[in-house]
């Protein structure tokens, strides 16, 4: 599958499918807190390294 850059990678669909399977039937309002927490942890990690 072309991704607009001329590369034919194909793993993007597999990643999205895996994310959908892990997320299951969880509503976006529920997992946004997890994502925001991960972004905060990344910020703290980068700030102290």
N, C-alpha and C. Protein backbone atom coordinates (compact mmCIF):
# COMPACT_ATOMS: atom_id res chain seq x y z
N UNK A 1 0.85 -1.17 0.00
CA UNK A 1 0.00 0.00 0.00
C UNK A 1 0.89 1.23 0.00
N UNK A 2 0.66 2.12 -0.90
CA UNK A 2 1.45 3.34 -0.98
C UNK A 2 0.99 4.31 0.09
N UNK A 3 1.92 5.02 0.70
CA UNK A 3 1.56 5.94 1.77
C UNK A 3 1.72 7.40 1.37
N UNK A 4 1.82 7.68 0.08
CA UNK A 4 1.94 9.05 -0.38
C UNK A 4 3.38 9.50 -0.55
N UNK A 5 4.33 8.72 -0.07
CA UNK A 5 5.73 9.09 -0.22
C UNK A 5 6.45 8.21 -1.24
N UNK A 6 5.71 7.31 -1.84
CA UNK A 6 6.31 6.40 -2.79
C UNK A 6 6.78 5.10 -2.17
N UNK A 7 6.76 5.03 -0.85
CA UNK A 7 7.18 3.82 -0.15
C UNK A 7 6.01 2.85 -0.06
N UNK A 8 6.32 1.59 -0.07
CA UNK A 8 5.29 0.56 0.04
C UNK A 8 5.56 -0.22 1.32
N UNK A 9 5.06 0.30 2.45
CA UNK A 9 5.39 -0.28 3.75
C UNK A 9 4.37 -1.33 4.18
N UNK A 10 3.11 -0.96 4.28
CA UNK A 10 2.07 -1.92 4.59
C UNK A 10 1.85 -2.23 6.05
N UNK A 11 2.69 -1.79 6.95
CA UNK A 11 2.51 -2.14 8.36
C UNK A 11 1.56 -1.18 9.08
N UNK A 12 1.22 -0.06 8.44
CA UNK A 12 0.33 0.90 9.08
C UNK A 12 -1.04 0.29 9.36
N UNK A 13 -1.58 -0.45 8.39
CA UNK A 13 -2.88 -1.08 8.58
C UNK A 13 -2.84 -2.09 9.72
N UNK A 14 -1.74 -2.81 9.84
CA UNK A 14 -1.61 -3.79 10.92
C UNK A 14 -1.55 -3.09 12.27
N UNK A 15 -0.85 -1.95 12.33
CA UNK A 15 -0.78 -1.20 13.58
C UNK A 15 -2.15 -0.67 14.00
N UNK A 16 -2.90 -0.12 13.02
CA UNK A 16 -4.23 0.39 13.34
C UNK A 16 -5.15 -0.73 13.78
N UNK A 17 -5.07 -1.88 13.13
CA UNK A 17 -5.91 -3.03 13.50
C UNK A 17 -5.57 -3.50 14.91
N UNK A 18 -4.28 -3.53 15.25
CA UNK A 18 -3.87 -3.94 16.59
C UNK A 18 -4.36 -2.94 17.64
N UNK A 19 -4.27 -1.66 17.33
CA UNK A 19 -4.74 -0.63 18.26
C UNK A 19 -6.25 -0.75 18.46
N UNK A 20 -6.99 -0.99 17.38
CA UNK A 20 -8.44 -1.16 17.50
C UNK A 20 -8.78 -2.37 18.34
N UNK A 21 -8.02 -3.45 18.16
CA UNK A 21 -8.29 -4.66 18.92
C UNK A 21 -7.99 -4.45 20.40
N UNK A 22 -6.89 -3.76 20.71
CA UNK A 22 -6.54 -3.50 22.10
C UNK A 22 -7.55 -2.55 22.76
N UNK A 23 -8.00 -1.57 21.99
CA UNK A 23 -8.94 -0.59 22.52
C UNK A 23 -10.31 -1.22 22.75
N UNK A 24 -10.67 -2.15 21.90
CA UNK A 24 -11.95 -2.83 22.04
C UNK A 24 -13.13 -1.88 21.90
N UNK A 25 -14.04 -1.95 22.83
CA UNK A 25 -15.24 -1.11 22.76
C UNK A 25 -15.12 0.12 23.65
N UNK A 26 -13.92 0.44 24.08
CA UNK A 26 -13.71 1.59 24.96
C UNK A 26 -14.01 2.88 24.19
N UNK A 27 -14.69 3.78 24.84
CA UNK A 27 -15.03 5.07 24.25
C UNK A 27 -13.80 5.98 24.26
N UNK A 28 -13.75 6.88 23.30
CA UNK A 28 -12.61 7.81 23.18
C UNK A 28 -12.43 8.64 24.44
N UNK A 29 -13.53 8.97 25.12
CA UNK A 29 -13.44 9.76 26.34
C UNK A 29 -12.70 9.01 27.44
N UNK A 30 -12.69 7.69 27.38
CA UNK A 30 -12.01 6.90 28.41
C UNK A 30 -10.51 6.77 28.14
N UNK A 31 -10.13 6.53 26.89
CA UNK A 31 -8.72 6.30 26.64
C UNK A 31 -7.93 7.57 26.39
N UNK A 32 -8.60 8.71 26.28
CA UNK A 32 -7.85 9.95 26.12
C UNK A 32 -7.02 10.24 27.37
N UNK A 33 -7.51 9.82 28.54
CA UNK A 33 -6.76 10.03 29.78
C UNK A 33 -5.48 9.21 29.78
N UNK A 34 -5.54 8.02 29.22
CA UNK A 34 -4.35 7.18 29.13
C UNK A 34 -3.33 7.84 28.21
N UNK A 35 -3.79 8.33 27.07
CA UNK A 35 -2.88 8.96 26.11
C UNK A 35 -2.28 10.22 26.71
N UNK A 36 -3.08 11.03 27.38
CA UNK A 36 -2.55 12.24 28.00
C UNK A 36 -1.53 11.91 29.08
N UNK A 37 -1.77 10.85 29.83
CA UNK A 37 -0.80 10.41 30.83
C UNK A 37 0.51 9.97 30.20
N UNK A 38 0.43 9.26 29.08
CA UNK A 38 1.65 8.83 28.39
C UNK A 38 2.43 10.02 27.84
N UNK A 39 1.71 11.02 27.33
CA UNK A 39 2.38 12.23 26.83
C UNK A 39 3.07 12.94 27.98
N UNK A 40 2.41 13.02 29.14
CA UNK A 40 3.03 13.66 30.31
C UNK A 40 4.28 12.90 30.75
N UNK A 41 4.20 11.57 30.79
CA UNK A 41 5.37 10.78 31.17
C UNK A 41 6.52 10.97 30.19
N UNK A 42 6.22 11.08 28.91
CA UNK A 42 7.25 11.33 27.91
C UNK A 42 7.90 12.70 28.15
N UNK A 43 7.08 13.69 28.46
CA UNK A 43 7.61 15.03 28.73
C UNK A 43 8.54 15.01 29.94
N UNK A 44 8.12 14.37 31.03
CA UNK A 44 8.93 14.28 32.24
C UNK A 44 10.22 13.52 31.95
N UNK A 45 10.12 12.44 31.20
CA UNK A 45 11.28 11.63 30.87
C UNK A 45 12.31 12.45 30.09
N UNK A 46 11.82 13.22 29.11
CA UNK A 46 12.72 14.05 28.31
C UNK A 46 13.30 15.20 29.12
N UNK A 47 12.54 15.72 30.07
CA UNK A 47 13.01 16.85 30.86
C UNK A 47 14.15 16.47 31.81
N UNK A 48 14.15 15.24 32.28
CA UNK A 48 15.15 14.82 33.26
C UNK A 48 16.30 14.00 32.67
N UNK A 49 16.36 13.93 31.36
CA UNK A 49 17.46 13.18 30.74
C UNK A 49 18.45 14.08 30.10
